[in-house]
Amino acid sequence: MYMTINPQDTLNTLALNVVHREREVHQYQINIDNYTAMLAALPQGEPPAEIMQYMSTKTEELPFDVPLETVQTVSDYQYRDRIRYLVRTEAIEQGKAKAVLNALKAQIPADQLDALVAEALVKVNAQTPA
């Protein structure tokens, strides 16, 4: 089919993509870990009853007669909910990236996988600025 690409080129490309996809999966994990650590510093449980009426309102749209402490509490709970959402979406996207990574690996013969990926990693590291 191809005139300039041989089967070894295809294996090398697959291995290179394994390196890149593995880094993508790793980056998702870094984000998940970071967001999870952030959640530990944010409020837990349900918001207090006195702020429930404000939870769906942007803090900049809250009336000025709402005490600043209450606005801060609302903001903390809203931010917590946003971070929870980000953990979920990062995990979902990581799952997709893992599926692609596994598919890439499956296309490389098992007895060549480690060596080809190691060669690809050397190439990637040589191109990545320190």
C-alpha atoms as a PDB file:
ATOM      1  CA  MET A   1       0.000   0.000   0.000  1.00  0.00           C
ATOM      2  CA  TYR A   2       2.672   2.539   1.010  1.00  0.00           C
ATOM      3  CA  MET A   3       5.738   3.100  -1.116  1.00  0.00           C
ATOM      4  CA  THR A   4       7.880   4.803   1.537  1.00  0.00           C
ATOM      5  CA  ILE A   5       6.643   3.276   4.775  1.00  0.00           C
ATOM      6  CA  ASN A   6       7.585  -0.225   5.790  1.00  0.00           C
ATOM      7  CA  PRO A   7       6.313  -2.412   8.644  1.00  0.00           C
ATOM      8  CA  GLN A   8       9.195  -1.310  10.897  1.00  0.00           C
ATOM      9  CA  ASP A   9       8.231   2.343  10.344  1.00  0.00           C
ATOM     10  CA  THR A  10       4.734   1.477  11.511  1.00  0.00           C
ATOM     11  CA  LEU A  11       6.050  -0.239  14.649  1.00  0.00           C
ATOM     12  CA  ASN A  12       8.306   2.736  15.385  1.00  0.00           C
ATOM     13  CA  THR A  13       5.365   5.119  14.992  1.00  0.00           C
ATOM     14  CA  LEU A  14       3.210   2.990  17.258  1.00  0.00           C
ATOM     15  CA  ALA A  15       5.982   2.944  19.890  1.00  0.00           C
ATOM     16  CA  LEU A  16       6.377   6.704  19.666  1.00  0.00           C
ATOM     17  CA  ASN A  17       2.650   7.102  20.168  1.00  0.00           C
ATOM     18  CA  VAL A  18       2.830   4.776  23.188  1.00  0.00           C
ATOM     19  CA  VAL A  19       5.308   7.183  24.787  1.00  0.00           C
ATOM     20  CA  HIS A  20       3.138  10.206  24.083  1.00  0.00           C
ATOM     21  CA  ARG A  21      -0.092   8.537  25.173  1.00  0.00           C
ATOM     22  CA  GLU A  22       1.524   7.248  28.373  1.00  0.00           C
ATOM     23  CA  ARG A  23       2.562  10.806  29.177  1.00  0.00           C
ATOM     24  CA  GLU A  24      -0.998  11.932  28.541  1.00  0.00           C
ATOM     25  CA  VAL A  25      -2.353   9.300  30.953  1.00  0.00           C
ATOM     26  CA  HIS A  26       0.257  10.401  33.487  1.00  0.00           C
ATOM     27  CA  GLN A  27      -0.711  14.069  33.125  1.00  0.00           C
ATOM     28  CA  TYR A  28      -4.336  13.203  33.785  1.00  0.00           C
ATOM     29  CA  GLN A  29      -3.209  11.389  36.936  1.00  0.00           C
ATOM     30  CA  ILE A  30      -1.208  14.406  38.080  1.00  0.00           C
ATOM     31  CA  ASN A  31      -4.327  16.547  37.636  1.00  0.00           C
ATOM     32  CA  ILE A  32      -6.502  14.025  39.486  1.00  0.00           C
ATOM     33  CA  ASP A  33      -4.027  13.864  42.371  1.00  0.00           C
ATOM     34  CA  ASN A  34      -3.740  17.656  42.506  1.00  0.00           C
ATOM     35  CA  TYR A  35      -7.494  18.197  42.481  1.00  0.00           C
ATOM     36  CA  THR A  36      -7.972  15.493  45.108  1.00  0.00           C
ATOM     37  CA  ALA A  37      -5.434  17.224  47.367  1.00  0.00           C
ATOM     38  CA  MET A  38      -7.228  20.532  46.811  1.00  0.00           C
ATOM     39  CA  LEU A  39     -10.535  18.961  47.829  1.00  0.00           C
ATOM     40  CA  ALA A  40      -9.081  18.055  51.207  1.00  0.00           C
ATOM     41  CA  ALA A  41      -8.667  21.774  51.952  1.00  0.00           C
ATOM     42  CA  LEU A  42     -12.187  22.700  50.850  1.00  0.00           C
ATOM     43  CA  PRO A  43     -15.453  22.306  52.773  1.00  0.00           C
ATOM     44  CA  GLN A  44     -16.854  18.814  53.191  1.00  0.00           C
ATOM     45  CA  GLY A  45     -20.449  17.668  53.308  1.00  0.00           C
ATOM     46  CA  GLU A  46     -23.543  19.587  52.331  1.00  0.00           C
ATOM     47  CA  PRO A  47     -23.494  23.389  52.345  1.00  0.00           C
ATOM     48  CA  PRO A  48     -25.055  24.990  55.432  1.00  0.00           C
ATOM     49  CA  ALA A  49     -28.797  25.632  55.097  1.00  0.00           C
ATOM     50  CA  GLU A  50     -28.327  29.407  55.311  1.00  0.00           C
ATOM     51  CA  ILE A  51     -26.318  29.499  52.071  1.00  0.00           C
ATOM     52  CA  MET A  52     -28.318  26.977  50.030  1.00  0.00           C
ATOM     53  CA  GLN A  53     -30.332  29.794  48.442  1.00  0.00           C
ATOM     54  CA  TYR A  54     -27.075  31.225  47.005  1.00  0.00           C
ATOM     55  CA  MET A  55     -25.443  28.053  45.703  1.00  0.00           C
ATOM     56  CA  SER A  56     -26.625  28.465  42.115  1.00  0.00           C
ATOM     57  CA  THR A  57     -25.768  32.171  41.980  1.00  0.00           C
ATOM     58  CA  LYS A  58     -22.394  33.462  40.826  1.00  0.00           C
ATOM     59  CA  THR A  59     -20.696  35.154  43.749  1.00  0.00           C
ATOM     60  CA  GLU A  60     -20.313  38.389  41.778  1.00  0.00           C
ATOM     61  CA  GLU A  61     -24.084  38.421  41.336  1.00  0.00           C
ATOM     62  CA  LEU A  62     -24.900  38.050  45.038  1.00  0.00           C
ATOM     63  CA  PRO A  63     -26.557  41.115  46.569  1.00  0.00           C
ATOM     64  CA  PHE A  64     -24.180  43.475  48.356  1.00  0.00           C
ATOM     65  CA  ASP A  65     -26.134  43.077  51.578  1.00  0.00           C
ATOM     66  CA  VAL A  66     -24.924  39.473  51.827  1.00  0.00           C
ATOM     67  CA  PRO A  67     -22.047  39.475  54.334  1.00  0.00           C
ATOM     68  CA  LEU A  68     -18.589  38.933  52.860  1.00  0.00           C
ATOM     69  CA  GLU A  69     -18.079  35.899  55.111  1.00  0.00           C
ATOM     70  CA  THR A  70     -21.191  34.302  53.619  1.00  0.00           C
ATOM     71  CA  VAL A  71     -20.033  35.116  50.089  1.00  0.00           C
ATOM     72  CA  GLN A  72     -16.687  33.469  50.870  1.00  0.00           C
ATOM     73  CA  THR A  73     -18.430  30.364  52.197  1.00  0.00           C
ATOM     74  CA  VAL A  74     -20.599  30.179  49.076  1.00  0.00           C
ATOM     75  CA  SER A  75     -17.489  30.590  46.931  1.00  0.00           C
ATOM     76  CA  ASP A  76     -15.690  27.808  48.809  1.00  0.00           C
ATOM     77  CA  TYR A  77     -18.544  25.357  48.280  1.00  0.00           C
ATOM     78  CA  GLN A  78     -18.944  26.335  44.638  1.00  0.00           C
ATOM     79  CA  TYR A  79     -15.214  25.905  44.066  1.00  0.00           C
ATOM     80  CA  ARG A  80     -15.334  22.528  45.792  1.00  0.00           C
ATOM     81  CA  ASP A  81     -18.115  21.443  43.456  1.00  0.00           C
ATOM     82  CA  ARG A  82     -16.128  22.663  40.440  1.00  0.00           C
ATOM     83  CA  ILE A  83     -13.064  20.691  41.564  1.00  0.00           C
ATOM     84  CA  ARG A  84     -15.218  17.583  42.072  1.00  0.00           C
ATOM     85  CA  TYR A  85     -16.428  17.989  38.496  1.00  0.00           C
ATOM     86  CA  LEU A  86     -12.839  18.346  37.263  1.00  0.00           C
ATOM     87  CA  VAL A  87     -11.765  15.163  39.060  1.00  0.00           C
ATOM     88  CA  ARG A  88     -14.586  13.320  37.343  1.00  0.00           C
ATOM     89  CA  THR A  89     -13.848  14.685  33.871  1.00  0.00           C
ATOM     90  CA  GLU A  90     -10.105  14.081  34.209  1.00  0.00           C
ATOM     91  CA  ALA A  91     -10.793  10.480  35.234  1.00  0.00           C
ATOM     92  CA  ILE A  92     -13.130   9.989  32.273  1.00  0.00           C
ATOM     93  CA  GLU A  93     -10.620  11.417  29.814  1.00  0.00           C
ATOM     94  CA  GLN A  94      -7.830   9.389  31.396  1.00  0.00           C
ATOM     95  CA  GLY A  95      -9.892   6.262  30.827  1.00  0.00           C
ATOM     96  CA  LYS A  96     -10.188   7.109  27.137  1.00  0.00           C
ATOM     97  CA  ALA A  97      -6.453   7.750  26.874  1.00  0.00           C
ATOM     98  CA  LYS A  98      -5.739   4.419  28.594  1.00  0.00           C
ATOM     99  CA  ALA A  99      -7.927   2.647  26.031  1.00  0.00           C
ATOM    100  CA  VAL A 100      -5.941   4.200  23.194  1.00  0.00           C
ATOM    101  CA  LEU A 101      -2.657   3.376  24.962  1.00  0.00           C
ATOM    102  CA  ASN A 102      -3.694  -0.258  25.337  1.00  0.00           C
ATOM    103  CA  ALA A 103      -4.738  -0.422  21.689  1.00  0.00           C
ATOM    104  CA  LEU A 104      -1.379   0.979  20.603  1.00  0.00           C
ATOM    105  CA  LYS A 105       0.526  -1.523  22.739  1.00  0.00           C
ATOM    106  CA  ALA A 106      -1.587  -4.394  21.409  1.00  0.00           C
ATOM    107  CA  GLN A 107      -0.436  -3.607  17.868  1.00  0.00           C
ATOM    108  CA  ILE A 108       3.247  -4.093  18.744  1.00  0.00           C
ATOM    109  CA  PRO A 109       4.499  -7.667  19.136  1.00  0.00           C
ATOM    110  CA  ALA A 110       5.028  -8.360  22.842  1.00  0.00           C
ATOM    111  CA  ASP A 111       8.632  -9.453  22.311  1.00  0.00           C
ATOM    112  CA  GLN A 112       9.448  -6.059  20.712  1.00  0.00           C
ATOM    113  CA  LEU A 113       7.346  -3.726  22.847  1.00  0.00           C
ATOM    114  CA  ASP A 114       9.872  -2.840  25.555  1.00  0.00           C
ATOM    115  CA  ALA A 115      12.758  -2.257  23.153  1.00  0.00           C
ATOM    116  CA  LEU A 116      10.743  -0.190  20.686  1.00  0.00           C
ATOM    117  CA  VAL A 117       9.229   1.959  23.421  1.00  0.00           C
ATOM    118  CA  ALA A 118      12.678   2.471  24.977  1.00  0.00           C
ATOM    119  CA  GLU A 119      14.014   3.635  21.589  1.00  0.00           C
ATOM    120  CA  ALA A 120      11.040   5.942  21.126  1.00  0.00           C
ATOM    121  CA  LEU A 121      11.561   7.391  24.605  1.00  0.00           C
ATOM    122  CA  VAL A 122      15.165   8.233  23.778  1.00  0.00           C
ATOM    123  CA  LYS A 123      13.937  10.105  20.682  1.00  0.00           C
ATOM    124  CA  VAL A 124      11.280  11.973  22.635  1.00  0.00           C
ATOM    125  CA  ASN A 125      13.695  12.916  25.404  1.00  0.00           C
ATOM    126  CA  ALA A 126      16.210  14.179  22.836  1.00  0.00           C
ATOM    127  CA  GLN A 127      13.544  16.503  21.411  1.00  0.00           C
ATOM    128  CA  THR A 128      12.152  17.700  24.763  1.00  0.00           C
ATOM    129  CA  PRO A 129      13.795  20.856  26.131  1.00  0.00           C
ATOM    130  CA  ALA A 130      15.092  20.565  29.667  1.00  0.00           C
END
